[in-house]
C-alpha cells in the first residue's frame, strides 16, 4: 500500500511565512535523496472549526510508495535535521506536531 504521511503543525506566532517556506523546501528536497517519495504538498488548514483545529493551521504530507520508503525517510539524517527545526518552531515542542499515516 502507498502511505500518506500527514503532518499538522502548530507554529509559534513569531514564525514567519518565509521561515515556514524554508522548512518546507528542506522537506521537499528529501525527494531528491530518497527513492520512492511520490509527492510532497503543503496546505493551510482553512477549517472554520476553531475549537477542534486547536492551532494546527499548517499541514504537509508526503506520499510514499510503501511503508519501507516511509521508514527510510524516518531514519534519514536530513529528515531528522529538519524535524528538529520543526520541533523548535512549533508551540510546545512535540505537542505542536500531529502525525497520521494512512494506507491508500
N, C-alpha and C. Protein backbone atom coordinates (compact mmCIF):
# COMPACT_ATOMS: atom_id res chain seq x y z
N UNK A 1 0.83 -1.20 0.00
CA UNK A 1 0.00 0.00 0.00
C UNK A 1 0.87 1.25 0.00
N UNK A 2 0.39 2.27 -0.71
CA UNK A 2 1.02 3.58 -0.64
C UNK A 2 0.72 4.17 0.74
N UNK A 3 1.66 4.92 1.29
CA UNK A 3 1.48 5.57 2.59
C UNK A 3 1.41 7.07 2.40
N UNK A 4 0.37 7.69 2.93
CA UNK A 4 0.31 9.15 3.01
C UNK A 4 0.64 9.53 4.44
N UNK A 5 1.71 10.26 4.59
CA UNK A 5 2.23 10.71 5.88
C UNK A 5 1.79 12.17 6.04
N UNK A 6 0.81 12.40 6.90
CA UNK A 6 0.19 13.72 7.07
C UNK A 6 0.69 14.32 8.38
N UNK A 7 1.15 15.56 8.31
CA UNK A 7 1.70 16.24 9.48
C UNK A 7 1.01 17.58 9.64
N UNK A 8 0.40 17.81 10.80
CA UNK A 8 -0.21 19.10 11.14
C UNK A 8 0.70 19.81 12.13
N UNK A 9 0.85 21.11 11.94
CA UNK A 9 1.80 21.90 12.73
C UNK A 9 1.12 23.08 13.39
N UNK A 10 1.53 23.33 14.62
CA UNK A 10 1.06 24.48 15.38
C UNK A 10 2.28 25.39 15.58
N UNK A 11 2.59 26.18 14.53
CA UNK A 11 3.76 27.05 14.59
C UNK A 11 3.60 28.12 15.67
N UNK A 12 4.73 28.51 16.25
CA UNK A 12 4.72 29.66 17.16
C UNK A 12 4.34 30.90 16.36
N UNK A 13 3.74 31.87 17.03
CA UNK A 13 3.22 33.05 16.35
C UNK A 13 4.30 33.86 15.64
N UNK A 14 5.54 33.79 16.11
CA UNK A 14 6.59 34.61 15.50
C UNK A 14 7.32 33.92 14.35
N UNK A 15 6.86 32.75 13.93
CA UNK A 15 7.48 32.06 12.79
C UNK A 15 6.90 32.66 11.51
N UNK A 16 7.77 33.23 10.72
CA UNK A 16 7.35 33.94 9.51
C UNK A 16 6.97 32.96 8.39
N UNK A 17 6.26 33.49 7.43
CA UNK A 17 5.92 32.73 6.23
C UNK A 17 7.19 32.27 5.53
N UNK A 18 8.20 33.14 5.51
CA UNK A 18 9.47 32.80 4.87
C UNK A 18 10.15 31.62 5.58
N UNK A 19 10.12 31.62 6.90
CA UNK A 19 10.71 30.52 7.67
C UNK A 19 9.96 29.22 7.39
N UNK A 20 8.63 29.28 7.36
CA UNK A 20 7.84 28.09 7.03
C UNK A 20 8.21 27.58 5.64
N UNK A 21 8.31 28.50 4.68
CA UNK A 21 8.65 28.11 3.31
C UNK A 21 10.02 27.45 3.25
N UNK A 22 10.98 27.97 4.01
CA UNK A 22 12.32 27.39 4.03
C UNK A 22 12.28 25.96 4.58
N UNK A 23 11.51 25.76 5.64
CA UNK A 23 11.37 24.41 6.20
C UNK A 23 10.72 23.47 5.19
N UNK A 24 9.69 23.95 4.51
CA UNK A 24 9.02 23.12 3.51
C UNK A 24 9.95 22.79 2.35
N UNK A 25 10.81 23.75 1.96
CA UNK A 25 11.78 23.47 0.90
C UNK A 25 12.74 22.36 1.31
N UNK A 26 13.17 22.39 2.57
CA UNK A 26 14.05 21.32 3.07
C UNK A 26 13.36 19.97 3.02
N UNK A 27 12.09 19.96 3.41
CA UNK A 27 11.34 18.70 3.36
C UNK A 27 11.18 18.24 1.92
N UNK A 28 10.80 19.13 1.02
CA UNK A 28 10.59 18.77 -0.38
C UNK A 28 11.88 18.22 -0.99
N UNK A 29 13.02 18.75 -0.58
CA UNK A 29 14.31 18.31 -1.13
C UNK A 29 14.62 16.86 -0.80
N UNK A 30 13.97 16.31 0.22
CA UNK A 30 14.23 14.91 0.57
C UNK A 30 13.90 13.97 -0.58
N UNK A 31 12.98 14.38 -1.46
CA UNK A 31 12.63 13.52 -2.59
C UNK A 31 13.79 13.35 -3.56
N UNK A 32 14.79 14.23 -3.49
CA UNK A 32 15.98 14.10 -4.34
C UNK A 32 16.90 12.99 -3.83
N UNK A 33 16.75 12.61 -2.57
CA UNK A 33 17.66 11.67 -1.93
C UNK A 33 17.03 10.33 -1.56
N UNK A 34 15.72 10.32 -1.44
CA UNK A 34 15.02 9.10 -1.01
C UNK A 34 14.14 8.63 -2.16
N UNK A 35 14.53 7.53 -2.75
CA UNK A 35 13.76 6.97 -3.85
C UNK A 35 12.44 6.42 -3.32
N UNK A 36 11.34 6.77 -3.97
CA UNK A 36 10.03 6.27 -3.56
C UNK A 36 9.14 7.31 -2.92
N UNK A 37 9.66 8.55 -2.78
CA UNK A 37 8.78 9.65 -2.38
C UNK A 37 8.02 10.06 -3.65
N UNK A 38 6.72 9.91 -3.62
CA UNK A 38 5.89 10.15 -4.80
C UNK A 38 5.38 11.58 -4.89
N UNK A 39 5.18 12.22 -3.72
CA UNK A 39 4.60 13.56 -3.73
C UNK A 39 4.87 14.21 -2.39
N UNK A 40 4.96 15.54 -2.40
CA UNK A 40 5.04 16.34 -1.20
C UNK A 40 4.19 17.58 -1.43
N UNK A 41 3.33 17.89 -0.47
CA UNK A 41 2.45 19.07 -0.60
C UNK A 41 2.31 19.76 0.74
N UNK A 42 2.07 21.07 0.67
CA UNK A 42 1.82 21.86 1.86
C UNK A 42 0.47 22.55 1.72
N UNK A 43 -0.17 22.77 2.86
CA UNK A 43 -1.51 23.36 2.86
C UNK A 43 -1.69 24.25 4.08
N UNK A 44 -2.59 25.20 3.95
CA UNK A 44 -3.09 25.93 5.11
C UNK A 44 -4.39 25.25 5.52
N UNK A 45 -4.57 25.05 6.81
CA UNK A 45 -5.82 24.50 7.33
C UNK A 45 -6.85 25.63 7.31
N UNK A 46 -7.87 25.50 6.50
CA UNK A 46 -8.88 26.55 6.37
C UNK A 46 -10.19 26.18 7.07
N UNK A 47 -10.14 25.21 7.96
CA UNK A 47 -11.34 24.80 8.68
C UNK A 47 -11.85 25.93 9.57
N UNK A 48 -13.17 26.17 9.56
CA UNK A 48 -13.74 27.17 10.46
C UNK A 48 -13.99 26.62 11.86
N UNK A 49 -13.68 25.36 12.10
CA UNK A 49 -13.95 24.72 13.39
C UNK A 49 -12.83 25.01 14.39
N UNK A 50 -12.67 26.27 14.74
CA UNK A 50 -11.57 26.72 15.58
C UNK A 50 -11.37 25.88 16.84
N UNK A 51 -12.43 25.51 17.57
CA UNK A 51 -12.19 24.74 18.80
C UNK A 51 -11.48 23.41 18.55
N UNK A 52 -11.73 22.77 17.42
CA UNK A 52 -11.09 21.49 17.17
C UNK A 52 -9.84 21.60 16.30
N UNK A 53 -9.62 22.75 15.68
CA UNK A 53 -8.38 22.98 14.95
C UNK A 53 -7.22 23.07 15.95
N UNK A 54 -7.48 23.66 17.11
CA UNK A 54 -6.52 23.73 18.21
C UNK A 54 -5.19 24.34 17.82
N UNK A 55 -5.22 25.28 16.88
CA UNK A 55 -3.99 25.97 16.50
C UNK A 55 -3.17 25.27 15.43
N UNK A 56 -3.62 24.13 14.95
CA UNK A 56 -2.90 23.42 13.89
C UNK A 56 -3.32 24.01 12.54
N UNK A 57 -2.68 25.11 12.17
CA UNK A 57 -3.06 25.86 10.98
C UNK A 57 -2.26 25.50 9.73
N UNK A 58 -1.22 24.70 9.89
CA UNK A 58 -0.35 24.35 8.77
C UNK A 58 -0.24 22.84 8.66
N UNK A 59 -0.26 22.35 7.41
CA UNK A 59 -0.26 20.91 7.16
C UNK A 59 0.67 20.61 5.98
N UNK A 60 1.38 19.51 6.07
CA UNK A 60 2.05 18.99 4.88
C UNK A 60 1.85 17.50 4.83
N UNK A 61 2.07 16.94 3.63
CA UNK A 61 2.07 15.50 3.54
C UNK A 61 3.08 15.02 2.52
N UNK A 62 3.53 13.81 2.76
CA UNK A 62 4.33 13.06 1.81
C UNK A 62 3.51 11.85 1.39
N UNK A 63 3.62 11.49 0.12
CA UNK A 63 3.13 10.20 -0.35
C UNK A 63 4.36 9.33 -0.61
N UNK A 64 4.39 8.18 0.05
CA UNK A 64 5.48 7.23 -0.09
C UNK A 64 4.99 6.01 -0.85
N UNK A 65 5.85 5.44 -1.68
CA UNK A 65 5.49 4.26 -2.45
C UNK A 65 4.97 3.15 -1.55
N UNK A 66 5.61 2.98 -0.39
CA UNK A 66 5.16 1.96 0.55
C UNK A 66 5.75 2.26 1.93
N UNK A 67 5.47 1.39 2.88
CA UNK A 67 5.93 1.61 4.25
C UNK A 67 7.45 1.56 4.36
N UNK A 68 8.10 0.81 3.49
CA UNK A 68 9.56 0.74 3.52
C UNK A 68 10.17 2.10 3.20
N UNK A 69 9.59 2.80 2.23
CA UNK A 69 10.09 4.14 1.88
C UNK A 69 9.83 5.09 3.04
N UNK A 70 8.63 5.02 3.64
CA UNK A 70 8.34 5.85 4.81
C UNK A 70 9.35 5.60 5.92
N UNK A 71 9.66 4.35 6.16
CA UNK A 71 10.59 4.01 7.23
C UNK A 71 12.00 4.53 6.92
N UNK A 72 12.40 4.49 5.65
CA UNK A 72 13.70 5.03 5.26
C UNK A 72 13.72 6.54 5.49
N UNK A 73 12.64 7.21 5.14
CA UNK A 73 12.51 8.66 5.37
C UNK A 73 12.64 8.98 6.85
N UNK A 74 11.99 8.21 7.70
CA UNK A 74 12.03 8.49 9.14
C UNK A 74 13.44 8.41 9.70
N UNK A 75 14.27 7.54 9.15
CA UNK A 75 15.63 7.36 9.65
C UNK A 75 16.67 8.22 8.92
N UNK A 76 16.27 8.87 7.84
CA UNK A 76 17.22 9.62 7.02
C UNK A 76 17.74 10.83 7.80
N UNK A 77 19.05 11.04 7.84
CA UNK A 77 19.62 12.14 8.64
C UNK A 77 19.06 13.53 8.31
N UNK A 78 18.82 13.82 7.05
CA UNK A 78 18.28 15.14 6.69
C UNK A 78 16.85 15.30 7.20
N UNK A 79 16.08 14.21 7.27
CA UNK A 79 14.74 14.29 7.85
C UNK A 79 14.84 14.60 9.33
N UNK A 80 15.76 13.94 10.02
CA UNK A 80 15.92 14.19 11.44
C UNK A 80 16.36 15.63 11.70
N UNK A 81 17.17 16.18 10.81
CA UNK A 81 17.63 17.56 10.95
C UNK A 81 16.48 18.55 10.79
N UNK A 82 15.71 18.42 9.73
CA UNK A 82 14.59 19.35 9.53
C UNK A 82 13.51 19.08 10.56
N UNK A 83 13.36 17.85 11.00
CA UNK A 83 12.40 17.54 12.06
C UNK A 83 12.73 18.29 13.34
N UNK A 84 14.00 18.35 13.68
CA UNK A 84 14.42 19.10 14.88
C UNK A 84 14.11 20.58 14.71
N UNK A 85 14.28 21.10 13.51
CA UNK A 85 13.95 22.51 13.25
C UNK A 85 12.45 22.75 13.40
N UNK A 86 11.64 21.80 12.93
CA UNK A 86 10.19 21.92 13.09
C UNK A 86 9.81 21.90 14.57
N UNK A 87 10.37 20.97 15.33
CA UNK A 87 10.06 20.90 16.76
C UNK A 87 10.40 22.22 17.44
N UNK A 88 11.49 22.86 17.03
CA UNK A 88 11.89 24.13 17.62
C UNK A 88 10.99 25.29 17.20
N UNK A 89 10.27 25.13 16.08
CA UNK A 89 9.45 26.23 15.55
C UNK A 89 7.98 26.15 15.93
N UNK A 90 7.58 25.06 16.56
CA UNK A 90 6.17 24.90 16.90
C UNK A 90 5.95 25.11 18.39
N UNK A 91 4.69 25.33 18.74
CA UNK A 91 4.33 25.55 20.14
C UNK A 91 4.40 24.24 20.92
N UNK A 92 5.14 24.24 22.01
CA UNK A 92 5.16 23.09 22.89
C UNK A 92 6.00 21.92 22.42
N UNK A 93 6.95 22.17 21.51
CA UNK A 93 7.78 21.06 21.03
C UNK A 93 6.94 20.02 20.33
N UNK A 94 7.10 18.77 20.70
CA UNK A 94 6.36 17.70 20.03
C UNK A 94 4.85 17.85 20.15
N UNK A 95 4.37 18.55 21.18
CA UNK A 95 2.93 18.79 21.30
C UNK A 95 2.40 19.67 20.17
N UNK A 96 3.29 20.36 19.48
CA UNK A 96 2.88 21.22 18.37
C UNK A 96 2.91 20.53 17.02
N UNK A 97 3.08 19.20 17.05
CA UNK A 97 3.11 18.42 15.82
C UNK A 97 2.19 17.22 15.98
N UNK A 98 1.35 17.00 14.98
CA UNK A 98 0.47 15.82 14.95
C UNK A 98 0.73 15.08 13.66
N UNK A 99 0.96 13.78 13.76
CA UNK A 99 1.26 12.95 12.59
C UNK A 99 0.24 11.83 12.48
N UNK A 100 -0.18 11.57 11.26
CA UNK A 100 -1.01 10.40 10.99
C UNK A 100 -0.56 9.82 9.64
N UNK A 101 -0.40 8.52 9.60
CA UNK A 101 -0.08 7.81 8.38
C UNK A 101 -1.28 6.96 8.00
N UNK A 102 -1.64 7.02 6.72
CA UNK A 102 -2.76 6.22 6.23
C UNK A 102 -2.32 5.44 5.00
N UNK A 103 -2.88 4.25 4.82
CA UNK A 103 -2.62 3.46 3.63
C UNK A 103 -3.65 3.83 2.58
N UNK A 104 -3.16 4.03 1.36
CA UNK A 104 -4.04 4.37 0.24
C UNK A 104 -3.94 3.31 -0.84
